[in-house]
Amino acid sequence: MCICTNVIAQKLKPISQPLVSHIYTADPSAHVFNNKIYIYPSHDTATGIAENDNGDHFNMMDFHVLSMDSIGGKVTDNGVALHIKNIPWAGRQLWAPDAAFANNTY
């Protein structure tokens, strides 16, 4: 391998690794509640459908909640927090979740 290829490869290395690799996540929001870090990402699964402008290739049926006791610590997948089947008005997909705390409710 030439030196120039090594330099390019070094520049393309990610600055960090994904928090989880057992599921595909995107669009995360993060909050600290009760001294714990909670991450709310979108969760997508493969459909085998070619990418198109309708978004048919996405299969985002649920939200998982990830948590960490500290930055760089172990990430826990707390499982499905919300599924599309439990939202009567939702017809297709769940995108870009977030969370808030108000009136003693998250």
N, C-alpha and C. Protein backbone atom coordinates (compact mmCIF):
# COMPACT_ATOMS: atom_id res chain seq x y z
N MET A 1 0.85 -1.17 0.00
CA MET A 1 0.00 0.00 0.00
C MET A 1 0.90 1.23 0.00
N CYS A 2 0.60 2.18 -0.85
CA CYS A 2 1.44 3.38 -0.90
C CYS A 2 1.14 4.30 0.27
N ILE A 3 2.04 5.19 0.54
CA ILE A 3 1.89 6.12 1.66
C ILE A 3 0.64 6.98 1.48
N CYS A 4 0.37 7.42 0.23
CA CYS A 4 -0.79 8.28 0.01
C CYS A 4 -2.09 7.54 0.34
N THR A 5 -2.19 6.24 0.06
CA THR A 5 -3.39 5.47 0.39
C THR A 5 -3.54 5.35 1.90
N ASN A 6 -2.44 5.16 2.61
CA ASN A 6 -2.48 5.10 4.08
C ASN A 6 -2.98 6.41 4.66
N VAL A 7 -2.52 7.52 4.12
CA VAL A 7 -2.94 8.83 4.61
C VAL A 7 -4.43 9.02 4.39
N ILE A 8 -4.91 8.65 3.22
CA ILE A 8 -6.35 8.76 2.92
C ILE A 8 -7.15 7.86 3.85
N ALA A 9 -6.71 6.63 4.05
CA ALA A 9 -7.42 5.70 4.93
C ALA A 9 -7.48 6.23 6.35
N GLN A 10 -6.40 6.83 6.82
CA GLN A 10 -6.38 7.39 8.17
C GLN A 10 -7.36 8.55 8.30
N LYS A 11 -7.49 9.35 7.27
CA LYS A 11 -8.40 10.49 7.31
C LYS A 11 -9.86 10.04 7.29
N LEU A 12 -10.14 8.86 6.77
CA LEU A 12 -11.51 8.38 6.65
C LEU A 12 -11.98 7.58 7.87
N LYS A 13 -11.14 7.41 8.86
CA LYS A 13 -11.54 6.67 10.05
C LYS A 13 -12.59 7.46 10.83
N PRO A 14 -13.62 6.78 11.33
CA PRO A 14 -14.63 7.49 12.11
C PRO A 14 -14.05 8.04 13.40
N ILE A 15 -14.63 9.13 13.89
CA ILE A 15 -14.13 9.71 15.13
C ILE A 15 -14.59 8.91 16.34
N SER A 16 -15.62 8.09 16.18
CA SER A 16 -16.10 7.24 17.26
C SER A 16 -16.82 6.04 16.66
N GLN A 17 -17.09 5.07 17.48
CA GLN A 17 -17.83 3.88 17.06
C GLN A 17 -19.31 4.06 17.38
N PRO A 18 -20.20 3.33 16.70
CA PRO A 18 -21.63 3.42 17.03
C PRO A 18 -21.88 3.00 18.47
N LEU A 19 -22.91 3.54 19.07
CA LEU A 19 -23.25 3.15 20.44
C LEU A 19 -23.73 1.71 20.50
N VAL A 20 -24.48 1.28 19.48
CA VAL A 20 -24.97 -0.10 19.40
C VAL A 20 -24.78 -0.59 17.97
N SER A 21 -24.63 -1.89 17.82
CA SER A 21 -24.50 -2.46 16.48
C SER A 21 -25.50 -3.59 16.23
N HIS A 22 -26.31 -3.94 17.23
CA HIS A 22 -27.28 -5.03 17.05
C HIS A 22 -28.57 -4.57 16.38
N ILE A 23 -28.80 -3.24 16.31
CA ILE A 23 -29.93 -2.68 15.58
C ILE A 23 -29.43 -1.45 14.83
N TYR A 24 -30.14 -1.07 13.76
CA TYR A 24 -29.78 0.12 13.02
C TYR A 24 -30.52 1.30 13.62
N THR A 25 -29.77 2.34 13.99
CA THR A 25 -30.37 3.53 14.57
C THR A 25 -29.90 4.78 13.84
N ALA A 26 -30.71 5.83 13.93
CA ALA A 26 -30.38 7.12 13.31
C ALA A 26 -31.15 8.21 14.04
N ASP A 27 -30.84 9.44 13.72
CA ASP A 27 -31.58 10.61 14.23
C ASP A 27 -31.72 10.65 15.75
N PRO A 28 -30.68 10.39 16.51
CA PRO A 28 -30.85 10.32 17.96
C PRO A 28 -31.03 11.69 18.61
N SER A 29 -31.78 11.70 19.68
CA SER A 29 -31.79 12.82 20.60
C SER A 29 -31.31 12.26 21.93
N ALA A 30 -30.69 13.08 22.74
CA ALA A 30 -30.16 12.60 24.02
C ALA A 30 -30.55 13.58 25.12
N HIS A 31 -30.84 13.03 26.29
CA HIS A 31 -31.20 13.84 27.45
C HIS A 31 -30.60 13.21 28.70
N VAL A 32 -30.42 14.01 29.72
CA VAL A 32 -30.01 13.49 31.02
C VAL A 32 -31.21 13.64 31.94
N PHE A 33 -31.68 12.50 32.44
CA PHE A 33 -32.76 12.47 33.41
C PHE A 33 -32.25 11.70 34.62
N ASN A 34 -32.36 12.26 35.80
CA ASN A 34 -31.92 11.60 37.04
C ASN A 34 -30.48 11.10 36.94
N ASN A 35 -29.59 11.94 36.42
CA ASN A 35 -28.16 11.64 36.30
C ASN A 35 -27.84 10.45 35.41
N LYS A 36 -28.72 10.12 34.50
CA LYS A 36 -28.49 9.04 33.55
C LYS A 36 -28.71 9.59 32.14
N ILE A 37 -27.92 9.13 31.18
CA ILE A 37 -28.05 9.58 29.80
C ILE A 37 -29.02 8.66 29.07
N TYR A 38 -30.03 9.24 28.45
CA TYR A 38 -31.00 8.48 27.67
C TYR A 38 -30.91 8.93 26.22
N ILE A 39 -30.84 7.97 25.31
CA ILE A 39 -30.74 8.24 23.88
C ILE A 39 -31.99 7.68 23.21
N TYR A 40 -32.63 8.53 22.40
CA TYR A 40 -33.87 8.17 21.71
C TYR A 40 -33.60 8.21 20.21
N PRO A 41 -33.28 7.06 19.60
CA PRO A 41 -33.00 7.04 18.16
C PRO A 41 -34.18 6.49 17.35
N SER A 42 -34.19 6.81 16.07
CA SER A 42 -35.07 6.09 15.15
C SER A 42 -34.53 4.67 15.03
N HIS A 43 -35.38 3.72 14.69
CA HIS A 43 -34.97 2.32 14.53
C HIS A 43 -35.51 1.82 13.20
N ASP A 44 -34.61 1.43 12.32
CA ASP A 44 -34.99 0.98 10.99
C ASP A 44 -34.59 -0.48 10.80
N THR A 45 -35.35 -1.21 10.02
CA THR A 45 -35.00 -2.58 9.66
C THR A 45 -35.05 -2.71 8.14
N ALA A 46 -34.33 -3.67 7.61
CA ALA A 46 -34.24 -3.85 6.16
C ALA A 46 -35.58 -4.26 5.57
N THR A 47 -35.86 -3.72 4.37
CA THR A 47 -37.10 -4.09 3.68
C THR A 47 -36.83 -4.82 2.37
N GLY A 48 -35.63 -4.62 1.81
CA GLY A 48 -35.33 -5.20 0.51
C GLY A 48 -35.93 -4.40 -0.64
N ILE A 49 -36.53 -3.26 -0.33
CA ILE A 49 -37.15 -2.41 -1.34
C ILE A 49 -36.13 -1.36 -1.77
N ALA A 50 -36.04 -1.12 -3.06
CA ALA A 50 -35.11 -0.11 -3.57
C ALA A 50 -35.49 1.27 -3.04
N GLU A 51 -34.48 2.10 -2.80
CA GLU A 51 -34.72 3.45 -2.30
C GLU A 51 -35.55 4.26 -3.30
N ASN A 52 -36.54 5.01 -2.76
CA ASN A 52 -37.36 5.86 -3.61
C ASN A 52 -37.80 7.09 -2.84
N ASP A 53 -38.42 8.03 -3.53
CA ASP A 53 -38.84 9.29 -2.91
C ASP A 53 -40.01 9.13 -1.94
N ASN A 54 -40.71 8.00 -1.98
CA ASN A 54 -41.82 7.77 -1.06
C ASN A 54 -41.36 7.26 0.30
N GLY A 55 -40.10 6.84 0.39
CA GLY A 55 -39.59 6.29 1.64
C GLY A 55 -40.02 4.86 1.88
N ASP A 56 -40.45 4.16 0.82
CA ASP A 56 -40.91 2.77 0.97
C ASP A 56 -39.82 1.84 1.47
N HIS A 57 -38.57 2.21 1.31
CA HIS A 57 -37.45 1.36 1.71
C HIS A 57 -37.19 1.42 3.21
N PHE A 58 -37.88 2.31 3.92
CA PHE A 58 -37.74 2.38 5.38
C PHE A 58 -38.79 1.50 6.04
N ASN A 59 -38.43 0.91 7.18
CA ASN A 59 -39.34 0.09 7.96
C ASN A 59 -39.13 0.47 9.43
N MET A 60 -39.69 1.59 9.81
CA MET A 60 -39.47 2.14 11.15
C MET A 60 -40.74 1.97 11.97
N MET A 61 -40.84 0.83 12.62
CA MET A 61 -42.08 0.45 13.31
C MET A 61 -42.05 0.70 14.81
N ASP A 62 -40.86 0.96 15.38
CA ASP A 62 -40.81 1.14 16.83
C ASP A 62 -39.65 2.04 17.22
N PHE A 63 -39.69 2.46 18.48
CA PHE A 63 -38.60 3.23 19.09
C PHE A 63 -38.02 2.42 20.24
N HIS A 64 -36.70 2.34 20.27
CA HIS A 64 -35.99 1.77 21.40
C HIS A 64 -35.47 2.94 22.24
N VAL A 65 -35.23 2.71 23.51
CA VAL A 65 -34.58 3.70 24.37
C VAL A 65 -33.25 3.09 24.82
N LEU A 66 -32.17 3.82 24.54
CA LEU A 66 -30.84 3.41 24.98
C LEU A 66 -30.48 4.25 26.20
N SER A 67 -29.67 3.69 27.09
CA SER A 67 -29.26 4.47 28.25
C SER A 67 -27.82 4.15 28.62
N MET A 68 -27.21 5.12 29.30
CA MET A 68 -25.82 5.00 29.76
C MET A 68 -25.70 5.70 31.12
N ASP A 69 -24.90 5.13 31.99
CA ASP A 69 -24.65 5.78 33.28
C ASP A 69 -23.68 6.94 33.15
N SER A 70 -22.80 6.88 32.13
CA SER A 70 -21.84 7.95 31.90
C SER A 70 -21.38 7.91 30.45
N ILE A 71 -20.84 9.02 29.97
CA ILE A 71 -20.31 9.08 28.61
C ILE A 71 -19.18 8.08 28.49
N GLY A 72 -19.24 7.28 27.44
CA GLY A 72 -18.23 6.25 27.24
C GLY A 72 -18.51 4.96 27.99
N GLY A 73 -19.56 4.95 28.80
CA GLY A 73 -19.91 3.76 29.58
C GLY A 73 -20.68 2.74 28.75
N LYS A 74 -21.05 1.67 29.41
CA LYS A 74 -21.83 0.60 28.78
C LYS A 74 -23.19 1.15 28.35
N VAL A 75 -23.61 0.77 27.14
CA VAL A 75 -24.91 1.19 26.61
C VAL A 75 -25.91 0.05 26.83
N THR A 76 -27.04 0.38 27.41
CA THR A 76 -28.11 -0.59 27.62
C THR A 76 -29.25 -0.28 26.66
N ASP A 77 -29.69 -1.29 25.92
CA ASP A 77 -30.88 -1.17 25.09
C ASP A 77 -32.04 -1.59 25.96
N ASN A 78 -32.88 -0.64 26.33
CA ASN A 78 -34.01 -0.90 27.21
C ASN A 78 -35.22 -1.44 26.47
N GLY A 79 -35.02 -1.80 25.21
CA GLY A 79 -36.08 -2.43 24.43
C GLY A 79 -37.03 -1.43 23.80
N VAL A 80 -38.11 -1.96 23.27
CA VAL A 80 -39.10 -1.15 22.57
C VAL A 80 -39.89 -0.32 23.58
N ALA A 81 -39.86 0.99 23.39
CA ALA A 81 -40.61 1.89 24.25
C ALA A 81 -41.97 2.23 23.65
N LEU A 82 -42.03 2.22 22.32
CA LEU A 82 -43.28 2.56 21.64
C LEU A 82 -43.29 1.86 20.29
N HIS A 83 -44.41 1.23 19.95
CA HIS A 83 -44.57 0.54 18.67
C HIS A 83 -45.71 1.20 17.90
N ILE A 84 -45.57 1.21 16.60
CA ILE A 84 -46.58 1.86 15.74
C ILE A 84 -47.97 1.25 15.93
N LYS A 85 -48.05 -0.02 16.27
CA LYS A 85 -49.36 -0.66 16.45
C LYS A 85 -50.12 -0.08 17.65
N ASN A 86 -49.40 0.64 18.54
CA ASN A 86 -50.02 1.25 19.71
C ASN A 86 -50.38 2.72 19.50
N ILE A 87 -50.27 3.19 18.26
CA ILE A 87 -50.59 4.58 17.93
C ILE A 87 -51.68 4.56 16.87
N PRO A 88 -52.94 4.72 17.27
CA PRO A 88 -54.06 4.58 16.33
C PRO A 88 -53.98 5.46 15.08
N TRP A 89 -53.45 6.66 15.21
CA TRP A 89 -53.41 7.58 14.07
C TRP A 89 -52.18 7.41 13.19
N ALA A 90 -51.21 6.60 13.61
CA ALA A 90 -49.98 6.41 12.81
C ALA A 90 -50.21 5.32 11.78
N GLY A 91 -49.89 5.63 10.55
CA GLY A 91 -50.18 4.68 9.49
C GLY A 91 -48.99 3.92 8.96
N ARG A 92 -47.78 4.50 9.03
CA ARG A 92 -46.68 3.87 8.32
C ARG A 92 -45.38 3.76 9.08
N GLN A 93 -44.84 4.87 9.54
CA GLN A 93 -43.50 4.83 10.10
C GLN A 93 -43.32 5.83 11.23
N LEU A 94 -42.34 5.53 12.07
CA LEU A 94 -41.99 6.42 13.18
C LEU A 94 -40.62 7.01 12.89
N TRP A 95 -40.50 8.33 13.00
CA TRP A 95 -39.26 9.01 12.66
C TRP A 95 -38.79 9.90 13.81
N ALA A 96 -37.48 10.02 13.94
CA ALA A 96 -36.81 11.03 14.77
C ALA A 96 -37.50 11.31 16.11
N PRO A 97 -37.43 10.38 17.05
CA PRO A 97 -38.08 10.56 18.34
C PRO A 97 -37.35 11.56 19.24
N ASP A 98 -38.05 11.97 20.25
CA ASP A 98 -37.48 12.81 21.29
C ASP A 98 -38.28 12.55 22.56
N ALA A 99 -37.83 13.10 23.67
CA ALA A 99 -38.53 12.91 24.93
C ALA A 99 -38.43 14.19 25.75
N ALA A 100 -39.36 14.33 26.67
CA ALA A 100 -39.35 15.47 27.58
C ALA A 100 -39.95 15.01 28.90
N PHE A 101 -39.71 15.79 29.94
CA PHE A 101 -40.26 15.50 31.25
C PHE A 101 -41.10 16.70 31.67
N ALA A 102 -42.36 16.47 31.99
CA ALA A 102 -43.25 17.52 32.47
C ALA A 102 -44.35 16.90 33.33
N ASN A 103 -44.71 17.55 34.38
CA ASN A 103 -45.79 17.08 35.26
C ASN A 103 -45.59 15.64 35.71
N ASN A 104 -44.34 15.31 36.07
CA ASN A 104 -43.97 13.97 36.53
C ASN A 104 -44.20 12.87 35.51
N THR A 105 -44.18 13.22 34.23
CA THR A 105 -44.36 12.25 33.16
C THR A 105 -43.30 12.46 32.10
N TYR A 106 -42.78 11.36 31.56
CA TYR A 106 -41.81 11.45 30.46
C TYR A 106 -42.55 11.27 29.16
